[in-house]
PDB file of N, CA and C in Angstrom:
ATOM      1  N   MET A   1       4.925 -12.010  -7.008  1.00  0.00           N
ATOM      2  CA  MET A   1       4.651 -10.603  -6.811  1.00  0.00           C
ATOM      3  C   MET A   1       5.690  -9.802  -7.593  1.00  0.00           C
ATOM      4  N   ARG A   2       5.228  -8.817  -8.323  1.00  0.00           N
ATOM      5  CA  ARG A   2       6.123  -8.030  -9.162  1.00  0.00           C
ATOM      6  C   ARG A   2       6.655  -6.796  -8.424  1.00  0.00           C
ATOM      7  N   LEU A   3       7.331  -7.052  -7.321  1.00  0.00           N
ATOM      8  CA  LEU A   3       8.022  -6.009  -6.573  1.00  0.00           C
ATOM      9  C   LEU A   3       9.392  -6.539  -6.173  1.00  0.00           C
ATOM     10  N   THR A   4      10.387  -5.693  -6.272  1.00  0.00           N
ATOM     11  CA  THR A   4      11.726  -6.091  -5.863  1.00  0.00           C
ATOM     12  C   THR A   4      11.854  -5.932  -4.347  1.00  0.00           C
ATOM     13  N   PRO A   5      12.878  -6.548  -3.761  1.00  0.00           N
ATOM     14  CA  PRO A   5      13.122  -6.315  -2.327  1.00  0.00           C
ATOM     15  C   PRO A   5      13.318  -4.830  -2.011  1.00  0.00           C
ATOM     16  N   GLN A   6      13.923  -4.089  -2.920  1.00  0.00           N
ATOM     17  CA  GLN A   6      14.093  -2.640  -2.719  1.00  0.00           C
ATOM     18  C   GLN A   6      12.738  -1.928  -2.711  1.00  0.00           C
ATOM     19  N   HIS A   7      11.842  -2.321  -3.619  1.00  0.00           N
ATOM     20  CA  HIS A   7      10.497  -1.739  -3.627  1.00  0.00           C
ATOM     21  C   HIS A   7       9.813  -1.983  -2.288  1.00  0.00           C
ATOM     22  N   ILE A   8       9.902  -3.210  -1.808  1.00  0.00           N
ATOM     23  CA  ILE A   8       9.228  -3.576  -0.556  1.00  0.00           C
ATOM     24  C   ILE A   8       9.779  -2.761   0.610  1.00  0.00           C
ATOM     25  N   GLU A   9      11.088  -2.610   0.678  1.00  0.00           N
ATOM     26  CA  GLU A   9      11.688  -1.816   1.762  1.00  0.00           C
ATOM     27  C   GLU A   9      11.272  -0.354   1.665  1.00  0.00           C
ATOM     28  N   THR A  10      11.200   0.171   0.447  1.00  0.00           N
ATOM     29  CA  THR A  10      10.756   1.557   0.249  1.00  0.00           C
ATOM     30  C   THR A  10       9.313   1.727   0.707  1.00  0.00           C
ATOM     31  N   ILE A  11       8.460   0.789   0.343  1.00  0.00           N
ATOM     32  CA  ILE A  11       7.048   0.857   0.723  1.00  0.00           C
ATOM     33  C   ILE A  11       6.906   0.807   2.244  1.00  0.00           C
ATOM     34  N   LYS A  12       7.550  -0.168   2.869  1.00  0.00           N
ATOM     35  CA  LYS A  12       7.455  -0.317   4.313  1.00  0.00           C
ATOM     36  C   LYS A  12       8.041   0.891   5.043  1.00  0.00           C
ATOM     37  N   GLY A  13       9.166   1.372   4.576  1.00  0.00           N
ATOM     38  CA  GLY A  13       9.802   2.527   5.210  1.00  0.00           C
ATOM     39  C   GLY A  13       8.970   3.789   5.082  1.00  0.00           C
ATOM     40  N   THR A  14       8.395   3.994   3.918  1.00  0.00           N
ATOM     41  CA  THR A  14       7.566   5.182   3.704  1.00  0.00           C
ATOM     42  C   THR A  14       6.298   5.110   4.542  1.00  0.00           C
ATOM     43  N   ALA A  15       5.657   3.955   4.583  1.00  0.00           N
ATOM     44  CA  ALA A  15       4.460   3.797   5.422  1.00  0.00           C
ATOM     45  C   ALA A  15       4.793   4.044   6.886  1.00  0.00           C
ATOM     46  N   ALA A  16       5.922   3.530   7.339  1.00  0.00           N
ATOM     47  CA  ALA A  16       6.345   3.726   8.729  1.00  0.00           C
ATOM     48  C   ALA A  16       6.604   5.201   9.023  1.00  0.00           C
ATOM     49  N   GLN A  17       7.132   5.897   8.052  1.00  0.00           N
ATOM     50  CA  GLN A  17       7.408   7.327   8.223  1.00  0.00           C
ATOM     51  C   GLN A  17       6.115   8.110   8.492  1.00  0.00           C
ATOM     52  N   PHE A  18       5.029   7.710   7.859  1.00  0.00           N
ATOM     53  CA  PHE A  18       3.768   8.438   8.004  1.00  0.00           C
ATOM     54  C   PHE A  18       2.870   7.884   9.107  1.00  0.00           C
ATOM     55  N   TRP A  19       2.888   6.558   9.311  1.00  0.00           N
ATOM     56  CA  TRP A  19       1.943   5.952  10.246  1.00  0.00           C
ATOM     57  C   TRP A  19       2.586   5.086  11.322  1.00  0.00           C
ATOM     58  N   GLY A  20       3.882   5.067  11.400  1.00  0.00           N
ATOM     59  CA  GLY A  20       4.568   4.293  12.421  1.00  0.00           C
ATOM     60  C   GLY A  20       4.919   2.888  11.942  1.00  0.00           C
ATOM     61  N   ALA A  21       5.839   2.270  12.648  1.00  0.00           N
ATOM     62  CA  ALA A  21       6.363   0.954  12.251  1.00  0.00           C
ATOM     63  C   ALA A  21       5.317  -0.147  12.295  1.00  0.00           C
ATOM     64  N   ASP A  22       4.239   0.051  13.035  1.00  0.00           N
ATOM     65  CA  ASP A  22       3.214  -0.985  13.158  1.00  0.00           C
ATOM     66  C   ASP A  22       2.101  -0.885  12.112  1.00  0.00           C
ATOM     67  N   ALA A  23       2.207   0.070  11.208  1.00  0.00           N
ATOM     68  CA  ALA A  23       1.167   0.213  10.175  1.00  0.00           C
ATOM     69  C   ALA A  23       1.119  -1.056   9.329  1.00  0.00           C
ATOM     70  N   GLY A  24      -0.064  -1.601   9.156  1.00  0.00           N
ATOM     71  CA  GLY A  24      -0.231  -2.795   8.328  1.00  0.00           C
ATOM     72  C   GLY A  24      -0.297  -2.416   6.864  1.00  0.00           C
ATOM     73  N   VAL A  25       0.650  -2.925   6.059  1.00  0.00           N
ATOM     74  CA  VAL A  25       0.700  -2.610   4.631  1.00  0.00           C
ATOM     75  C   VAL A  25       0.420  -3.878   3.842  1.00  0.00           C
ATOM     76  N   VAL A  26      -0.557  -3.806   2.948  1.00  0.00           N
ATOM     77  CA  VAL A  26      -0.957  -4.941   2.131  1.00  0.00           C
ATOM     78  C   VAL A  26      -0.893  -4.546   0.658  1.00  0.00           C
ATOM     79  N   VAL A  27      -0.258  -5.390  -0.152  1.00  0.00           N
ATOM     80  CA  VAL A  27      -0.257  -5.215  -1.605  1.00  0.00           C
ATOM     81  C   VAL A  27      -1.390  -6.065  -2.156  1.00  0.00           C
ATOM     82  N   PHE A  28      -2.207  -5.481  -3.027  1.00  0.00           N
ATOM     83  CA  PHE A  28      -3.264  -6.243  -3.679  1.00  0.00           C
ATOM     84  C   PHE A  28      -3.368  -5.789  -5.124  1.00  0.00           C
ATOM     85  N   GLY A  29      -4.142  -6.492  -5.908  1.00  0.00           N
ATOM     86  CA  GLY A  29      -4.324  -6.102  -7.302  1.00  0.00           C
ATOM     87  C   GLY A  29      -3.315  -6.736  -8.240  1.00  0.00           C
ATOM     88  N   SER A  30      -3.094  -6.088  -9.376  1.00  0.00           N
ATOM     89  CA  SER A  30      -2.334  -6.678 -10.479  1.00  0.00           C
ATOM     90  C   SER A  30      -0.865  -6.937 -10.160  1.00  0.00           C
ATOM     91  N   ARG A  31      -0.264  -6.211  -9.257  1.00  0.00           N
ATOM     92  CA  ARG A  31       1.159  -6.417  -8.952  1.00  0.00           C
ATOM     93  C   ARG A  31       1.429  -7.764  -8.283  1.00  0.00           C
ATOM     94  N   LEU A  32       0.398  -8.440  -7.838  1.00  0.00           N
ATOM     95  CA  LEU A  32       0.570  -9.764  -7.237  1.00  0.00           C
ATOM     96  C   LEU A  32       0.754 -10.853  -8.287  1.00  0.00           C
ATOM     97  N   HIS A  33       0.428 -10.557  -9.529  1.00  0.00           N
ATOM     98  CA  HIS A  33       0.418 -11.564 -10.580  1.00  0.00           C
ATOM     99  C   HIS A  33       1.645 -11.428 -11.478  1.00  0.00           C
ATOM    100  N   ASP A  34       2.543 -12.394 -11.380  1.00  0.00           N
ATOM    101  CA  ASP A  34       3.797 -12.359 -12.128  1.00  0.00           C
ATOM    102  C   ASP A  34       3.606 -12.374 -13.638  1.00  0.00           C
ATOM    103  N   GLU A  35       2.514 -12.957 -14.106  1.00  0.00           N
ATOM    104  CA  GLU A  35       2.307 -13.083 -15.543  1.00  0.00           C
ATOM    105  C   GLU A  35       1.796 -11.790 -16.179  1.00  0.00           C
ATOM    106  N   GLN A  36       1.382 -10.827 -15.392  1.00  0.00           N
ATOM    107  CA  GLN A  36       0.881  -9.567 -15.936  1.00  0.00           C
ATOM    108  C   GLN A  36       2.025  -8.580 -16.113  1.00  0.00           C
ATOM    109  N   ARG A  37       1.773  -7.544 -16.871  1.00  0.00           N
ATOM    110  CA  ARG A  37       2.769  -6.502 -17.114  1.00  0.00           C
ATOM    111  C   ARG A  37       2.158  -5.140 -16.799  1.00  0.00           C
ATOM    112  N   GLY A  38       3.036  -4.202 -16.424  1.00  0.00           N
ATOM    113  CA  GLY A  38       2.588  -2.834 -16.180  1.00  0.00           C
ATOM    114  C   GLY A  38       1.622  -2.737 -15.023  1.00  0.00           C
ATOM    115  N   GLY A  39       0.808  -1.731 -15.084  1.00  0.00           N
ATOM    116  CA  GLY A  39      -0.200  -1.528 -14.051  1.00  0.00           C
ATOM    117  C   GLY A  39       0.327  -0.718 -12.881  1.00  0.00           C
ATOM    118  N   ASP A  40      -0.596  -0.271 -12.071  1.00  0.00           N
ATOM    119  CA  ASP A  40      -0.220   0.514 -10.910  1.00  0.00           C
ATOM    120  C   ASP A  40       0.022  -0.396  -9.709  1.00  0.00           C
ATOM    121  N   LEU A  41       0.444   0.192  -8.623  1.00  0.00           N
ATOM    122  CA  LEU A  41       0.666  -0.526  -7.382  1.00  0.00           C
ATOM    123  C   LEU A  41      -0.484  -0.201  -6.441  1.00  0.00           C
ATOM    124  N   ASP A  42      -1.261  -1.214  -6.066  1.00  0.00           N
ATOM    125  CA  ASP A  42      -2.383  -1.033  -5.157  1.00  0.00           C
ATOM    126  C   ASP A  42      -1.929  -1.388  -3.748  1.00  0.00           C
ATOM    127  N   LEU A  43      -1.992  -0.418  -2.838  1.00  0.00           N
ATOM    128  CA  LEU A  43      -1.598  -0.624  -1.454  1.00  0.00           C
ATOM    129  C   LEU A  43      -2.760  -0.318  -0.533  1.00  0.00           C
ATOM    130  N   TYR A  44      -2.906  -1.143   0.490  1.00  0.00           N
ATOM    131  CA  TYR A  44      -3.916  -0.955   1.522  1.00  0.00           C
ATOM    132  C   TYR A  44      -3.170  -0.824   2.852  1.00  0.00           C
ATOM    133  N   ILE A  45      -3.463   0.232   3.587  1.00  0.00           N
ATOM    134  CA  ILE A  45      -2.807   0.465   4.872  1.00  0.00           C
ATOM    135  C   ILE A  45      -3.868   0.643   5.944  1.00  0.00           C
ATOM    136  N   GLU A  46      -3.688  -0.080   7.048  1.00  0.00           N
ATOM    137  CA  GLU A  46      -4.555   0.091   8.214  1.00  0.00           C
ATOM    138  C   GLU A  46      -3.790   0.851   9.286  1.00  0.00           C
ATOM    139  N   THR A  47      -4.431   1.841   9.836  1.00  0.00           N
ATOM    140  CA  THR A  47      -3.817   2.667  10.860  1.00  0.00           C
ATOM    141  C   THR A  47      -4.893   3.158  11.831  1.00  0.00           C
ATOM    142  N   PRO A  48      -4.523   3.438  13.074  1.00  0.00           N
ATOM    143  CA  PRO A  48      -5.535   3.893  14.026  1.00  0.00           C
ATOM    144  C   PRO A  48      -6.236   5.177  13.600  1.00  0.00           C
ATOM    145  N   GLN A  49      -5.494   6.103  12.980  1.00  0.00           N
ATOM    146  CA  GLN A  49      -6.107   7.380  12.609  1.00  0.00           C
ATOM    147  C   GLN A  49      -5.706   7.795  11.198  1.00  0.00           C
ATOM    148  N   PRO A  50      -6.475   7.383  10.187  1.00  0.00           N
ATOM    149  CA  PRO A  50      -6.179   7.810   8.823  1.00  0.00           C
ATOM    150  C   PRO A  50      -6.285   9.323   8.702  1.00  0.00           C
ATOM    151  N   ASP A  51      -5.449   9.891   7.881  1.00  0.00           N
ATOM    152  CA  ASP A  51      -5.445  11.333   7.667  1.00  0.00           C
ATOM    153  C   ASP A  51      -5.262  11.588   6.171  1.00  0.00           C
ATOM    154  N   LEU A  52      -6.143  12.385   5.595  1.00  0.00           N
ATOM    155  CA  LEU A  52      -6.130  12.617   4.149  1.00  0.00           C
ATOM    156  C   LEU A  52      -4.827  13.257   3.676  1.00  0.00           C
ATOM    157  N   LEU A  53      -4.343  14.278   4.362  1.00  0.00           N
ATOM    158  CA  LEU A  53      -3.107  14.928   3.931  1.00  0.00           C
ATOM    159  C   LEU A  53      -1.913  13.982   4.020  1.00  0.00           C
ATOM    160  N   GLN A  54      -1.847  13.178   5.060  1.00  0.00           N
ATOM    161  CA  GLN A  54      -0.778  12.187   5.163  1.00  0.00           C
ATOM    162  C   GLN A  54      -0.869  11.182   4.016  1.00  0.00           C
ATOM    163  N   THR A  55      -2.082  10.780   3.697  1.00  0.00           N
ATOM    164  CA  THR A  55      -2.292   9.821   2.615  1.00  0.00           C
ATOM    165  C   THR A  55      -1.787  10.392   1.290  1.00  0.00           C
ATOM    166  N   ILE A  56      -2.119  11.631   1.015  1.00  0.00           N
ATOM    167  CA  ILE A  56      -1.687  12.272  -0.232  1.00  0.00           C
ATOM    168  C   ILE A  56      -0.165  12.396  -0.268  1.00  0.00           C
ATOM    169  N   ARG A  57       0.420  12.839   0.826  1.00  0.00           N
ATOM    170  CA  ARG A  57       1.882  12.984   0.881  1.00  0.00           C
ATOM    171  C   ARG A  57       2.576  11.635   0.695  1.00  0.00           C
ATOM    172  N   CYS A  58       2.052  10.620   1.343  1.00  0.00           N
ATOM    173  CA  CYS A  58       2.623   9.283   1.234  1.00  0.00           C
ATOM    174  C   CYS A  58       2.524   8.765  -0.198  1.00  0.00           C
ATOM    175  N   LYS A  59       1.388   8.956  -0.815  1.00  0.00           N
ATOM    176  CA  LYS A  59       1.184   8.511  -2.200  1.00  0.00           C
ATOM    177  C   LYS A  59       2.187   9.178  -3.140  1.00  0.00           C
ATOM    178  N   VAL A  60       2.353  10.476  -3.007  1.00  0.00           N
ATOM    179  CA  VAL A  60       3.288  11.213  -3.867  1.00  0.00           C
ATOM    180  C   VAL A  60       4.717  10.740  -3.621  1.00  0.00           C
ATOM    181  N   MET A  61       5.081  10.559  -2.358  1.00  0.00           N
ATOM    182  CA  MET A  61       6.430  10.109  -2.038  1.00  0.00           C
ATOM    183  C   MET A  61       6.699   8.720  -2.611  1.00  0.00           C
ATOM    184  N   LEU A  62       5.720   7.826  -2.498  1.00  0.00           N
ATOM    185  CA  LEU A  62       5.876   6.477  -3.039  1.00  0.00           C
ATOM    186  C   LEU A  62       5.992   6.492  -4.566  1.00  0.00           C
ATOM    187  N   GLN A  63       5.146   7.273  -5.218  1.00  0.00           N
ATOM    188  CA  GLN A  63       5.204   7.346  -6.679  1.00  0.00           C
ATOM    189  C   GLN A  63       6.558   7.862  -7.144  1.00  0.00           C
ATOM    190  N   ASP A  64       7.093   8.863  -6.461  1.00  0.00           N
ATOM    191  CA  ASP A  64       8.405   9.401  -6.827  1.00  0.00           C
ATOM    192  C   ASP A  64       9.510   8.376  -6.583  1.00  0.00           C
ATOM    193  N   ALA A  65       9.465   7.711  -5.438  1.00  0.00           N
ATOM    194  CA  ALA A  65      10.528   6.768  -5.071  1.00  0.00           C
ATOM    195  C   ALA A  65      10.494   5.499  -5.918  1.00  0.00           C
ATOM    196  N   LEU A  66       9.290   5.034  -6.254  1.00  0.00           N
ATOM    197  CA  LEU A  66       9.140   3.773  -6.976  1.00  0.00           C
ATOM    198  C   LEU A  66       9.059   3.958  -8.492  1.00  0.00           C
ATOM    199  N   ASP A  67       8.814   5.176  -8.928  1.00  0.00           N
ATOM    200  CA  ASP A  67       8.657   5.493 -10.341  1.00  0.00           C
ATOM    201  C   ASP A  67       7.555   4.653 -10.989  1.00  0.00           C
ATOM    202  N   MET A  68       6.425   4.589 -10.289  1.00  0.00           N
ATOM    203  CA  MET A  68       5.249   3.906 -10.823  1.00  0.00           C
ATOM    204  C   MET A  68       4.013   4.521 -10.177  1.00  0.00           C
ATOM    205  N   PRO A  69       2.864   4.420 -10.848  1.00  0.00           N
ATOM    206  CA  PRO A  69       1.632   4.925 -10.245  1.00  0.00           C
ATOM    207  C   PRO A  69       1.229   4.085  -9.028  1.00  0.00           C
ATOM    208  N   VAL A  70       0.745   4.760  -7.995  1.00  0.00           N
ATOM    209  CA  VAL A  70       0.357   4.089  -6.758  1.00  0.00           C
ATOM    210  C   VAL A  70      -1.084   4.468  -6.418  1.00  0.00           C
ATOM    211  N   ASP A  71      -1.902   3.461  -6.155  1.00  0.00           N
ATOM    212  CA  ASP A  71      -3.231   3.671  -5.578  1.00  0.00           C
ATOM    213  C   ASP A  71      -3.117   3.302  -4.113  1.00  0.00           C
ATOM    214  N   LEU A  72      -3.408   4.251  -3.242  1.00  0.00           N
ATOM    215  CA  LEU A  72      -3.214   4.067  -1.812  1.00  0.00           C
ATOM    216  C   LEU A  72      -4.555   4.182  -1.103  1.00  0.00           C
ATOM    217  N   VAL A  73      -4.951   3.109  -0.428  1.00  0.00           N
ATOM    218  CA  VAL A  73      -6.177   3.080   0.356  1.00  0.00           C
ATOM    219  C   VAL A  73      -5.766   3.014   1.818  1.00  0.00           C
ATOM    220  N   VAL A  74      -6.164   4.002   2.599  1.00  0.00           N
ATOM    221  CA  VAL A  74      -5.829   4.051   4.020  1.00  0.00           C
ATOM    222  C   VAL A  74      -7.126   4.040   4.815  1.00  0.00           C
ATOM    223  N   LYS A  75      -7.264   3.038   5.679  1.00  0.00           N
ATOM    224  CA  LYS A  75      -8.493   2.850   6.450  1.00  0.00           C
ATOM    225  C   LYS A  75      -8.158   2.644   7.925  1.00  0.00           C
ATOM    226  N   PRO A  76      -9.134   2.902   8.791  1.00  0.00           N
ATOM    227  CA  PRO A  76      -8.913   2.621  10.213  1.00  0.00           C
ATOM    228  C   PRO A  76      -8.840   1.119  10.464  1.00  0.00           C
ATOM    229  N   ILE A  77      -8.122   0.753  11.507  1.00  0.00           N
ATOM    230  CA  ILE A  77      -7.990  -0.660  11.874  1.00  0.00           C
ATOM    231  C   ILE A  77      -9.373  -1.263  12.085  1.00  0.00           C
ATOM    232  N   GLY A  78      -9.594  -2.428  11.488  1.00  0.00           N
ATOM    233  CA  GLY A  78     -10.867  -3.122  11.633  1.00  0.00           C
ATOM    234  C   GLY A  78     -11.946  -2.698  10.657  1.00  0.00           C
ATOM    235  N   ASP A  79     -11.606  -1.827   9.716  1.00  0.00           N
ATOM    236  CA  ASP A  79     -12.587  -1.367   8.727  1.00  0.00           C
ATOM    237  C   ASP A  79     -13.178  -2.558   7.979  1.00  0.00           C
ATOM    238  N   GLN A  80     -14.474  -2.527   7.718  1.00  0.00           N
ATOM    239  CA  GLN A  80     -15.159  -3.623   7.040  1.00  0.00           C
ATOM    240  C   GLN A  80     -15.775  -3.207   5.705  1.00  0.00           C
ATOM    241  N   SER A  81     -15.248  -2.127   5.109  1.00  0.00           N
ATOM    242  CA  SER A  81     -15.760  -1.696   3.810  1.00  0.00           C
ATOM    243  C   SER A  81     -15.393  -2.737   2.751  1.00  0.00           C
ATOM    244  N   PRO A  82     -16.085  -2.733   1.618  1.00  0.00           N
ATOM    245  CA  PRO A  82     -15.786  -3.720   0.569  1.00  0.00           C
ATOM    246  C   PRO A  82     -14.319  -3.722   0.131  1.00  0.00           C
ATOM    247  N   ILE A  83     -13.710  -2.552  -0.042  1.00  0.00           N
ATOM    248  CA  ILE A  83     -12.314  -2.517  -0.481  1.00  0.00           C
ATOM    249  C   ILE A  83     -11.397  -3.104   0.593  1.00  0.00           C
ATOM    250  N   SER A  84     -11.719  -2.876   1.850  1.00  0.00           N
ATOM    251  CA  SER A  84     -10.927  -3.448   2.940  1.00  0.00           C
ATOM    252  C   SER A  84     -11.007  -4.967   2.934  1.00  0.00           C
ATOM    253  N   LYS A  85     -12.197  -5.473   2.738  1.00  0.00           N
ATOM    254  CA  LYS A  85     -12.387  -6.926   2.708  1.00  0.00           C
ATOM    255  C   LYS A  85     -11.629  -7.563   1.545  1.00  0.00           C
ATOM    256  N   ILE A  86     -11.685  -6.926   0.377  1.00  0.00           N
ATOM    257  CA  ILE A  86     -10.988  -7.446  -0.802  1.00  0.00           C
ATOM    258  C   ILE A  86      -9.482  -7.419  -0.579  1.00  0.00           C
ATOM    259  N   ALA A  87      -8.964  -6.284  -0.129  1.00  0.00           N
ATOM    260  CA  ALA A  87      -7.516  -6.153   0.073  1.00  0.00           C
ATOM    261  C   ALA A  87      -7.003  -7.170   1.084  1.00  0.00           C
ATOM    262  N   LYS A  88      -7.735  -7.348   2.179  1.00  0.00           N
ATOM    263  CA  LYS A  88      -7.288  -8.286   3.215  1.00  0.00           C
ATOM    264  C   LYS A  88      -7.437  -9.738   2.778  1.00  0.00           C
ATOM    265  N   ALA A  89      -8.453 -10.042   1.991  1.00  0.00           N
ATOM    266  CA  ALA A  89      -8.678 -11.411   1.548  1.00  0.00           C
ATOM    267  C   ALA A  89      -7.727 -11.835   0.430  1.00  0.00           C
ATOM    268  N   GLU A  90      -7.448 -10.921  -0.493  1.00  0.00           N
ATOM    269  CA  GLU A  90      -6.672 -11.278  -1.680  1.00  0.00           C
ATOM    270  C   GLU A  90      -5.240 -10.767  -1.656  1.00  0.00           C
ATOM    271  N   GLY A  91      -4.935  -9.850  -0.750  1.00  0.00           N
ATOM    272  CA  GLY A  91      -3.633  -9.217  -0.740  1.00  0.00           C
ATOM    273  C   GLY A  91      -2.568  -9.978   0.035  1.00  0.00           C
ATOM    274  N   VAL A  92      -1.354  -9.444  -0.049  1.00  0.00           N
ATOM    275  CA  VAL A  92      -0.195  -9.990   0.640  1.00  0.00           C
ATOM    276  C   VAL A  92       0.344  -8.908   1.569  1.00  0.00           C
ATOM    277  N   ARG A  93       0.432  -9.236   2.835  1.00  0.00           N
ATOM    278  CA  ARG A  93       0.961  -8.291   3.813  1.00  0.00           C
ATOM    279  C   ARG A  93       2.478  -8.221   3.705  1.00  0.00           C
ATOM    280  N   LEU A  94       2.990  -6.991   3.703  1.00  0.00           N
ATOM    281  CA  LEU A  94       4.447  -6.806   3.641  1.00  0.00           C
ATOM    282  C   LEU A  94       5.029  -6.780   5.037  1.00  0.00           C
TER     283      LEU A  94
END
């Protein structure tokens, strides 16, 4: 996975700030592959009550802190949409 321990702590801390310490954070997409270069950071977060404004604020805060583009998908716990299934099947929980 192409994230440093500092990146991981920043991601987890920022998610906790917006959705609490129990928010499930999953990294999926190109950042999981060490042989690739560049690309954005794809994050999937499950929370009891997703909120659009919180999602936008979190995305901006993460992009500023990590200095990389972030795609943030926030869904309710147990969501079965295609993106949720992909993120949970192929991603790595932080």
